[in-house]
């Protein structure tokens, strides 16, 4: 394996032990196939076996129909590529990869590309198409459903959840906290001695770093850095750190200030509590171990309930946004403005009918709009 530069992880493949068993069963003196045989007959045989397997899938498509999945991504040369896969209960097959750099922005061009794929499988065999949630794909959906009346389109659940994290990351308080966390992570991994100390104080555990194109990883990284709060603070107050040359550096001082900033850690805690439920949803829909759809709706509703419970009212944007609405729609009506503000205070302080035990019990389990209608407490 070392001589051929085969990664050691290859021993975890399903065929590894089968290969060992097959060779062992041949006994001593067995000679493996030579280069011409491997690249000739044996490769051709494998190709034929795969073709037969795919033909078996064709029969399944006729019985259960299939779903076409389009996975778009951008390579290092900034080319837009779309991988087409087909799913049925028997499994998922890769069809082809298309360079869509010149058509990815136009709905009509995308429609022609998807139309060809549907015709390849047969319109009678395709009932579902899954793409991302971008506007051009949404427009393509209308064109496809107009031509193929029995075709149903839906957005990729993982992509939708990831876009939710993108929107959450745009909130000022969240954005500032993510930037502060990034300062800590970048400093540690860009300097050898701080990285050595981090691994020493955390017992070898790493801090996850976000990926550029997956917004959810920002929040997963935040979970990771919050889990190492105590070791990080112990580092910057340790003798090893103080006696080194690093504390004198300007970037190191900024790093220390961030690590010792209590407000930063408090904001980390609040954001992690808020984003843990949708991260659980993302792990379900992004899983390759099992079909996710059966668990998706329950996971979404559960995440919604958890997010209602977890400190959402502490975010300044919520109160600020409510006041913006009051000021916008009350206009110059001082009486209405005063009444709306008064209602807000009554709700927050659980006064009058909001103070009833039945109302208080359900304040953290029922969405605000449903709560107000249920108890007949909408006064305006």
Protein backbone atom coordinates (compact mmCIF):
# COMPACT_ATOMS: atom_id res chain seq x y z
CA UNK A 1 0.00 0.00 0.00
CA UNK A 2 2.86 2.37 0.80
CA UNK A 3 4.73 1.46 -2.38
CA UNK A 4 1.64 2.07 -4.57
CA UNK A 5 0.53 5.17 -2.57
CA UNK A 6 -2.82 3.55 -1.76
CA UNK A 7 -4.54 5.45 1.09
CA UNK A 8 -4.76 3.39 4.28
CA UNK A 9 -8.50 4.13 4.43
CA UNK A 10 -8.83 1.65 1.55
CA UNK A 11 -8.88 -1.16 4.14
CA UNK A 12 -12.32 0.10 5.23
CA UNK A 13 -13.83 -0.56 1.79
CA UNK A 14 -16.42 -3.32 1.49
CA UNK A 15 -14.35 -5.22 -1.10
CA UNK A 16 -11.06 -5.24 0.83
CA UNK A 17 -11.66 -8.35 2.96
CA UNK A 18 -13.44 -10.07 0.07
CA UNK A 19 -10.30 -9.58 -2.00
CA UNK A 20 -8.14 -11.05 0.78
CA UNK A 21 -10.50 -14.03 1.09
CA UNK A 22 -10.46 -14.66 -2.68
CA UNK A 23 -6.65 -14.57 -2.86
CA UNK A 24 -6.28 -16.79 0.21
CA UNK A 25 -8.69 -19.36 -1.22
CA UNK A 26 -6.41 -19.83 -4.24
CA UNK A 27 -3.60 -21.14 -2.03
CA UNK A 28 0.17 -20.69 -2.25
CA UNK A 29 1.72 -19.92 -5.63
CA UNK A 30 -1.25 -18.01 -7.04
CA UNK A 31 -0.17 -15.33 -9.54
CA UNK A 32 -2.26 -12.19 -9.82
CA UNK A 33 -3.48 -10.88 -13.19
CA UNK A 34 -0.92 -8.90 -15.17
CA UNK A 35 -1.29 -5.32 -16.47
CA UNK A 36 -2.80 -6.13 -19.92
CA UNK A 37 -5.39 -8.46 -18.35
CA UNK A 38 -6.39 -5.91 -15.69
CA UNK A 39 -6.82 -3.06 -18.18
CA UNK A 40 -8.33 -5.30 -20.85
CA UNK A 41 -10.52 -8.31 -20.14
CA UNK A 42 -11.14 -7.71 -16.42
CA UNK A 43 -12.04 -4.03 -16.90
CA UNK A 44 -14.38 -4.90 -19.77
CA UNK A 45 -16.02 -7.56 -17.61
CA UNK A 46 -16.62 -5.06 -14.82
CA UNK A 47 -18.13 -2.59 -17.30
CA UNK A 48 -20.47 -5.31 -18.56
CA UNK A 49 -21.45 -6.24 -14.99
CA UNK A 50 -22.29 -2.60 -14.26
CA UNK A 51 -24.35 -2.38 -17.45
CA UNK A 52 -26.36 -5.44 -16.41
CA UNK A 53 -26.90 -3.93 -12.99
CA UNK A 54 -28.22 -0.71 -14.55
CA UNK A 55 -30.52 -2.71 -16.81
CA UNK A 56 -31.94 -4.24 -13.63
CA UNK A 57 -32.65 -0.74 -12.36
CA UNK A 58 -34.57 0.01 -15.56
CA UNK A 59 -37.11 -2.63 -14.59
CA UNK A 60 -37.49 -1.09 -11.15
CA UNK A 61 -38.07 2.36 -12.71
CA UNK A 62 -40.97 0.93 -14.70
CA UNK A 63 -42.55 -0.45 -11.54
CA UNK A 64 -41.95 2.31 -8.98
CA UNK A 65 -40.94 5.26 -11.22
CA UNK A 66 -37.87 7.32 -10.29
CA UNK A 67 -36.57 10.69 -9.10
CA UNK A 68 -33.98 12.73 -10.99
CA UNK A 69 -31.62 14.67 -8.72
CA UNK A 70 -29.52 17.57 -9.99
CA UNK A 71 -26.55 18.52 -7.83
CA UNK A 72 -25.00 21.79 -8.99
CA UNK A 73 -21.56 22.92 -7.83
CA UNK A 74 -18.65 25.13 -8.88
CA UNK A 75 -15.15 23.77 -9.40
CA UNK A 76 -11.83 25.53 -8.78
CA UNK A 77 -11.89 27.03 -12.28
CA UNK A 78 -15.28 28.62 -11.50
CA UNK A 79 -17.05 26.33 -13.96
CA UNK A 80 -20.65 25.52 -13.07
CA UNK A 81 -21.17 21.75 -13.15
CA UNK A 82 -24.37 19.77 -12.68
CA UNK A 83 -24.27 16.12 -11.63
CA UNK A 84 -27.38 14.18 -12.64
CA UNK A 85 -28.38 11.20 -10.53
CA UNK A 86 -31.45 8.98 -10.57
CA UNK A 87 -33.02 7.54 -7.43
CA UNK A 88 -35.42 4.64 -6.94
CA UNK A 89 -36.10 2.36 -3.95
CA UNK A 90 -33.37 0.00 -5.12
CA UNK A 91 -30.69 2.70 -4.97
CA UNK A 92 -29.15 5.77 -6.61
CA UNK A 93 -27.22 5.80 -9.89
CA UNK A 94 -24.97 8.49 -11.36
CA UNK A 95 -26.00 9.44 -14.89
CA UNK A 96 -23.62 12.17 -16.05
CA UNK A 97 -21.90 15.44 -15.21
CA UNK A 98 -22.56 18.46 -17.43
CA UNK A 99 -20.60 21.71 -17.74
CA UNK A 100 -23.48 24.17 -17.49
CA UNK A 101 -21.42 27.36 -17.24
CA UNK A 102 -23.10 28.84 -20.31
CA UNK A 103 -26.67 27.81 -19.44
CA UNK A 104 -26.91 27.78 -15.65
CA UNK A 105 -28.31 31.32 -15.39
CA UNK A 106 -31.06 30.94 -18.00
CA UNK A 107 -34.26 29.07 -17.28
CA UNK A 108 -34.91 28.22 -20.95
CA UNK A 109 -31.45 26.71 -21.39
CA UNK A 110 -31.75 24.76 -18.13
CA UNK A 111 -35.15 23.51 -19.23
CA UNK A 112 -33.67 22.02 -22.43
CA UNK A 113 -30.95 20.32 -20.37
CA UNK A 114 -33.45 18.82 -17.91
CA UNK A 115 -35.85 17.93 -20.71
CA UNK A 116 -33.17 15.82 -22.39
CA UNK A 117 -32.56 13.96 -19.13
CA UNK A 118 -36.28 13.27 -18.63
CA UNK A 119 -36.59 12.00 -22.22
CA UNK A 120 -33.54 9.76 -21.70
CA UNK A 121 -35.26 7.95 -18.82
CA UNK A 122 -38.70 8.19 -20.40
CA UNK A 123 -41.35 10.67 -19.18
CA UNK A 124 -43.51 7.73 -18.11
CA UNK A 125 -40.75 6.59 -15.71
CA UNK A 126 -39.95 9.95 -14.07
CA UNK A 127 -42.30 11.39 -11.45
CA UNK A 128 -40.03 13.70 -9.48
CA UNK A 129 -37.16 16.14 -9.96
CA UNK A 130 -35.07 17.60 -7.12
CA UNK A 131 -32.88 20.69 -7.62
CA UNK A 132 -31.65 23.54 -5.49
CA UNK A 133 -33.93 26.45 -4.61
CA UNK A 134 -32.42 29.18 -6.84
CA UNK A 135 -34.76 31.40 -8.86
CA UNK A 136 -33.55 30.02 -12.23
CA UNK A 137 -34.31 26.45 -11.16
CA UNK A 138 -37.71 27.52 -9.84
CA UNK A 139 -38.48 29.02 -13.26
CA UNK A 140 -37.25 25.82 -14.93
CA UNK A 141 -39.71 23.90 -12.78
CA UNK A 142 -42.67 25.72 -14.34
CA UNK A 143 -41.47 24.91 -17.85
CA UNK A 144 -40.95 21.23 -16.99
CA UNK A 145 -44.31 20.83 -15.29
CA UNK A 146 -45.98 22.53 -18.26
CA UNK A 147 -44.55 19.97 -20.71
CA UNK A 148 -44.65 16.92 -18.42
CA UNK A 149 -47.95 17.16 -16.56
CA UNK A 150 -47.23 14.21 -14.24
CA UNK A 151 -43.83 15.52 -13.19
CA UNK A 152 -43.44 16.95 -9.68
CA UNK A 153 -40.58 19.27 -8.66
CA UNK A 154 -39.28 19.95 -5.15
CA UNK A 155 -36.30 21.90 -3.80
CA UNK A 156 -33.40 20.15 -2.09
CA UNK A 157 -34.12 20.11 1.64
CA UNK A 158 -30.44 20.40 2.57
CA UNK A 159 -30.06 23.46 0.33
CA UNK A 160 -33.15 25.10 1.85
CA UNK A 161 -31.87 24.59 5.40
CA UNK A 162 -28.45 25.88 4.38
CA UNK A 163 -30.09 29.06 3.03
CA UNK A 164 -31.82 29.48 6.38
CA UNK A 165 -28.39 29.57 8.01
CA UNK A 166 -27.28 32.11 5.43
CA UNK A 167 -30.12 34.42 6.48
CA UNK A 168 -29.42 33.88 10.19
CA UNK A 169 -25.77 34.71 9.56
CA UNK A 170 -26.76 38.09 8.11
CA UNK A 171 -28.18 39.28 11.45
CA UNK A 172 -25.78 41.86 12.85
CA UNK A 173 -25.31 40.28 16.26
CA UNK A 174 -24.79 36.84 14.73
CA UNK A 175 -22.43 38.15 12.05
CA UNK A 176 -20.28 39.93 14.65
CA UNK A 177 -20.06 36.82 16.80
CA UNK A 178 -19.12 34.61 13.84
CA UNK A 179 -16.39 37.11 12.90
CA UNK A 180 -15.00 37.06 16.44
CA UNK A 181 -14.97 33.26 16.44
CA UNK A 182 -13.17 33.33 13.09
CA UNK A 183 -10.45 35.58 14.58
CA UNK A 184 -9.80 33.01 17.31
CA UNK A 185 -9.76 30.02 14.97
CA UNK A 186 -7.59 31.65 12.30
CA UNK A 187 -5.02 32.86 14.82
CA UNK A 188 -4.66 29.43 16.39
CA UNK A 189 -4.31 27.52 13.12
CA UNK A 190 -1.96 30.10 11.59
CA UNK A 191 0.59 29.87 14.41
CA UNK A 192 2.45 26.74 15.46
CA UNK A 193 2.89 27.33 19.19
CA UNK A 194 -0.71 28.44 19.89
CA UNK A 195 -1.87 25.38 17.91
CA UNK A 196 0.41 23.16 20.01
CA UNK A 197 -0.99 24.67 23.23
CA UNK A 198 -4.57 24.31 22.00
CA UNK A 199 -4.09 20.60 21.31
CA UNK A 200 -2.38 20.16 24.66
CA UNK A 201 -5.10 21.90 26.67
CA UNK A 202 -8.00 20.30 24.74
CA UNK A 203 -6.54 16.80 24.94
CA UNK A 204 -5.97 16.62 21.19
CA UNK A 205 -9.43 17.84 20.17
CA UNK A 206 -9.62 20.21 17.21
CA UNK A 207 -11.77 23.28 16.56
CA UNK A 208 -13.82 22.85 13.41
CA UNK A 209 -13.38 25.45 10.70
CA UNK A 210 -16.22 26.56 8.38
CA UNK A 211 -16.37 25.76 4.68
CA UNK A 212 -16.74 28.62 2.21
CA UNK A 213 -19.90 27.38 0.51
CA UNK A 214 -21.79 25.76 3.38
CA UNK A 215 -23.26 28.44 5.64
CA UNK A 216 -24.30 25.91 8.27
CA UNK A 217 -20.66 25.07 8.95
CA UNK A 218 -20.25 28.56 10.44
CA UNK A 219 -22.62 27.54 13.22
CA UNK A 220 -21.20 24.03 13.56
CA UNK A 221 -17.79 25.68 13.99
CA UNK A 222 -19.32 27.96 16.61
CA UNK A 223 -20.54 24.89 18.51
CA UNK A 224 -17.03 23.49 18.32
CA UNK A 225 -15.32 26.62 19.64
CA UNK A 226 -17.90 27.00 22.44
CA UNK A 227 -17.15 23.44 23.56
CA UNK A 228 -13.48 24.48 24.00
CA UNK A 229 -14.24 27.71 25.90
CA UNK A 230 -12.55 26.67 29.16
CA UNK A 231 -9.38 25.22 27.55
CA UNK A 232 -9.00 28.34 25.38
CA UNK A 233 -9.27 30.65 28.37
CA UNK A 234 -6.86 28.45 30.27
CA UNK A 235 -4.32 28.78 27.44
CA UNK A 236 -4.15 32.59 27.46
CA UNK A 237 -3.74 32.67 31.25
CA UNK A 238 -1.20 29.84 31.43
CA UNK A 239 2.50 30.19 32.25
CA UNK A 240 3.41 28.66 28.89
CA UNK A 241 1.57 31.40 27.02
CA UNK A 242 2.59 34.33 29.22
CA UNK A 243 6.27 33.34 29.16
CA UNK A 244 6.34 32.98 25.37
CA UNK A 245 7.03 35.77 22.86
CA UNK A 246 3.49 35.69 21.46
CA UNK A 247 1.65 37.96 23.97
CA UNK A 248 3.68 40.94 22.76
CA UNK A 249 2.33 40.67 19.21
CA UNK A 250 -0.62 42.91 18.23
CA UNK A 251 -2.58 40.02 16.66
CA UNK A 252 -1.99 37.92 19.76
CA UNK A 253 -3.39 40.69 21.96
CA UNK A 254 -6.54 40.77 19.82
CA UNK A 255 -6.77 36.99 20.09
CA UNK A 256 -6.48 37.13 23.90
CA UNK A 257 -9.09 39.89 24.12
CA UNK A 258 -11.53 37.79 22.10
CA UNK A 259 -10.94 34.68 24.21
CA UNK A 260 -11.45 36.58 27.48
CA UNK A 261 -14.50 38.55 26.22
CA UNK A 262 -17.43 37.36 28.36
CA UNK A 263 -19.97 39.03 26.07
CA UNK A 264 -18.64 37.04 23.11
CA UNK A 265 -19.08 33.73 24.94
CA UNK A 266 -22.57 34.74 26.08
CA UNK A 267 -23.56 35.50 22.49
CA UNK A 268 -22.00 32.20 21.37
CA UNK A 269 -24.17 30.34 23.88
CA UNK A 270 -27.36 32.07 22.71
CA UNK A 271 -26.65 31.51 19.02
CA UNK A 272 -25.71 27.85 19.52
CA UNK A 273 -28.92 27.25 21.49
CA UNK A 274 -30.93 28.85 18.71
CA UNK A 275 -29.27 27.01 15.83
CA UNK A 276 -28.90 23.52 17.31
CA UNK A 277 -32.42 22.39 16.20
CA UNK A 278 -32.02 23.29 12.48
CA UNK A 279 -28.51 21.78 12.53
CA UNK A 280 -30.11 18.50 13.64
CA UNK A 281 -32.53 18.80 10.70
CA UNK A 282 -29.61 19.39 8.32
CA UNK A 283 -27.80 16.29 9.61
CA UNK A 284 -30.92 14.22 8.90
CA UNK A 285 -31.51 15.50 5.36
CA UNK A 286 -27.79 15.39 4.53
CA UNK A 287 -27.35 11.84 5.77
CA UNK A 288 -26.28 9.11 3.35
CA UNK A 289 -27.03 6.29 5.79
CA UNK A 290 -30.81 6.23 5.48
CA UNK A 291 -33.71 7.71 3.53
CA UNK A 292 -34.44 11.05 5.17
CA UNK A 293 -37.94 11.95 3.94
CA UNK A 294 -39.72 9.81 6.51
CA UNK A 295 -38.05 11.74 9.31
CA UNK A 296 -38.03 15.21 7.72
CA UNK A 297 -41.40 16.66 8.65
CA UNK A 298 -41.22 15.53 12.26
CA UNK A 299 -37.69 16.96 12.50
CA UNK A 300 -38.80 20.32 11.09
CA UNK A 301 -41.72 20.67 13.48
CA UNK A 302 -39.58 19.60 16.41
CA UNK A 303 -36.88 22.12 15.44
CA UNK A 304 -39.52 24.84 15.17
CA UNK A 305 -40.82 24.09 18.66
CA UNK A 306 -37.31 24.05 20.09
CA UNK A 307 -36.41 27.37 18.47
CA UNK A 308 -39.54 28.97 19.97
CA UNK A 309 -38.42 27.83 23.41
CA UNK A 310 -34.77 28.87 23.19
CA UNK A 311 -34.10 32.48 24.02
CA UNK A 312 -35.43 33.91 20.77
CA UNK A 313 -36.88 36.87 22.63
CA UNK A 314 -33.39 37.88 23.78
CA UNK A 315 -32.28 38.83 20.28
CA UNK A 316 -32.36 42.57 19.92
CA UNK A 317 -33.55 42.39 16.32
CA UNK A 318 -36.86 40.88 17.44
CA UNK A 319 -37.83 43.78 19.69
CA UNK A 320 -36.34 46.32 17.29
CA UNK A 321 -38.28 44.86 14.37
CA UNK A 322 -41.53 44.95 16.35
CA UNK A 323 -41.00 48.61 17.19
CA UNK A 324 -40.28 49.33 13.51
CA UNK A 325 -43.63 47.79 12.57
CA UNK A 326 -45.47 49.77 15.26
CA UNK A 327 -43.88 53.04 14.18
CA UNK A 328 -44.52 52.35 10.49
CA UNK A 329 -48.18 51.39 10.71
CA UNK A 330 -49.27 53.62 13.58
CA UNK A 331 -48.04 56.62 11.59
CA UNK A 332 -48.82 59.79 13.52
CA UNK A 333 -51.65 58.23 15.53
CA UNK A 334 -50.23 58.74 19.02
CA UNK A 335 -53.17 56.99 20.68
CA UNK A 336 -52.74 53.85 18.57
CA UNK A 337 -48.96 53.94 19.04
CA UNK A 338 -49.41 54.17 22.81
CA UNK A 339 -51.96 51.35 22.83
CA UNK A 340 -49.70 49.01 20.81
CA UNK A 341 -46.75 49.73 23.10
CA UNK A 342 -48.97 49.10 26.13
CA UNK A 343 -50.11 45.75 24.71
CA UNK A 344 -46.46 44.77 24.25
CA UNK A 345 -45.71 45.53 27.90
CA UNK A 346 -48.80 43.61 29.10
CA UNK A 347 -47.76 40.52 27.10
CA UNK A 348 -44.12 40.65 28.18
CA UNK A 349 -44.93 41.10 31.90
CA UNK A 350 -47.78 38.54 31.87
CA UNK A 351 -50.31 41.08 33.13
CA UNK A 352 -54.14 40.91 33.08
CA UNK A 353 -55.37 37.88 31.08
CA UNK A 354 -51.80 37.08 30.04
CA UNK A 355 -51.12 36.35 33.71
CA UNK A 356 -53.56 33.43 33.88
CA UNK A 357 -51.86 30.13 34.69
CA UNK A 358 -53.19 28.46 31.54
CA UNK A 359 -51.73 31.29 29.45
CA UNK A 360 -48.36 31.30 31.24
CA UNK A 361 -48.00 27.52 30.84
CA UNK A 362 -48.35 27.73 27.06
CA UNK A 363 -46.28 30.84 26.39
CA UNK A 364 -43.18 28.72 25.67
CA UNK A 365 -44.92 25.93 23.72
CA UNK A 366 -47.30 27.75 21.36
CA UNK A 367 -46.33 30.17 18.59
CA UNK A 368 -47.19 33.79 19.58
CA UNK A 369 -49.90 34.24 16.92
CA UNK A 370 -51.54 30.90 17.79
CA UNK A 371 -51.22 31.74 21.48
CA UNK A 372 -53.05 35.05 21.14
CA UNK A 373 -55.88 33.57 19.07
CA UNK A 374 -56.25 30.55 21.35
CA UNK A 375 -56.77 32.62 24.47
CA UNK A 376 -58.73 35.34 22.72
CA UNK A 377 -56.21 37.94 23.74
CA UNK A 378 -55.92 39.87 20.47
CA UNK A 379 -57.22 43.26 21.50
CA UNK A 380 -56.69 45.23 18.27
